[in-house]
């Protein structure tokens, strides 16, 4: 199995409804995400994936949907006031934990035709969440 990965840095805010600690309050992160794609063999050019195409697909979606946005659960009471202020939002059906955001990125990359096998999101330099589908 061959793998290649692309790393994307982005900034985002979020909060976790029901969390009794600091994460229950709106706060921000400088995130780093690594998107890993794999193939059993290489294509005619000797690639698993072209780094330029991988970067464009991954970075493009993250820039358009997550970077410098407040990521909230759809039913968060902050949604309407922030929307009224014109603040950029990304809404999720679940609490926007690092794990859930990693899954969101995985799904977005997969729908763009990437053979993604794993996404790792560093919420801080010490804390990383990984999503890979069950086999």
Foldseek 3Di string as FASTA:
>chain_A
DDKDKDKDWAKEWEAFPPDPDPRNDIDMFGKMKIWMFDDPAAPPVRHSDDRVVLCCQLVVCCVVAGHQAYEYEPPDPVVVVCVVVVGHYHYDPHGPDLQVVQVVSQVSSVVVVTRTAKMWMDRDPVDIYMDGDDD
